[in-house]
Amino acid sequence: MKTLLYEHENLKIFKVAVDSFEYFHEEWSGMSTSDHFKGLIYESLAVYSKHFDGFRFYKNNKCLLLADVSLHEIVKKEDMAWLAEEINPKYEALGFTHQALLMPLSFIGQMNVKKYEDLSTQIQLKTVMLNTENEALEWFLRETE
């Protein structure tokens, strides 16, 4: 079951229930300036903070954030560094343990997300770039066994 928690023209956030656990699913679209993108990220942190209460984690308190950025253009590599350095620790503090990014369609978008994936190795939040939601769920389940 997919429940809409937040809606903006460039970002939708859902809580998804699958069998015995839940995960958060972001759907990004369009283009964003750095300031607009950062504002939406801060909005998402507020949404997650509010909805973690009563959240059904997977085994050993594992939690997935699935970000579908396939239709989103992230304009600056600096935004990826900011996300990895400033925001990933906030995701971890909230309780996220795994993050899957669905690959952007554009080559530039793919390069920016790849940079983010590479930068995200500095912390415990496991981050990968995949092609589909099913691949992301399979990866999460394998990683948490």
Foldseek 3Di string as FASTA:
>chain_A
DWAWQDDDPAKTKIWDDDVQFIAIEIEGADEDDLVRVVVVLVVVLVSLLVPVVVGRADPPLEYEYEYECQHYDYDDLVSLLCCQPPPVVSVVVSRYQEYEYAAHPDPNSNVSVVSSQVSNVVDRHHYDYHHDPVVVVVVSVVVVD
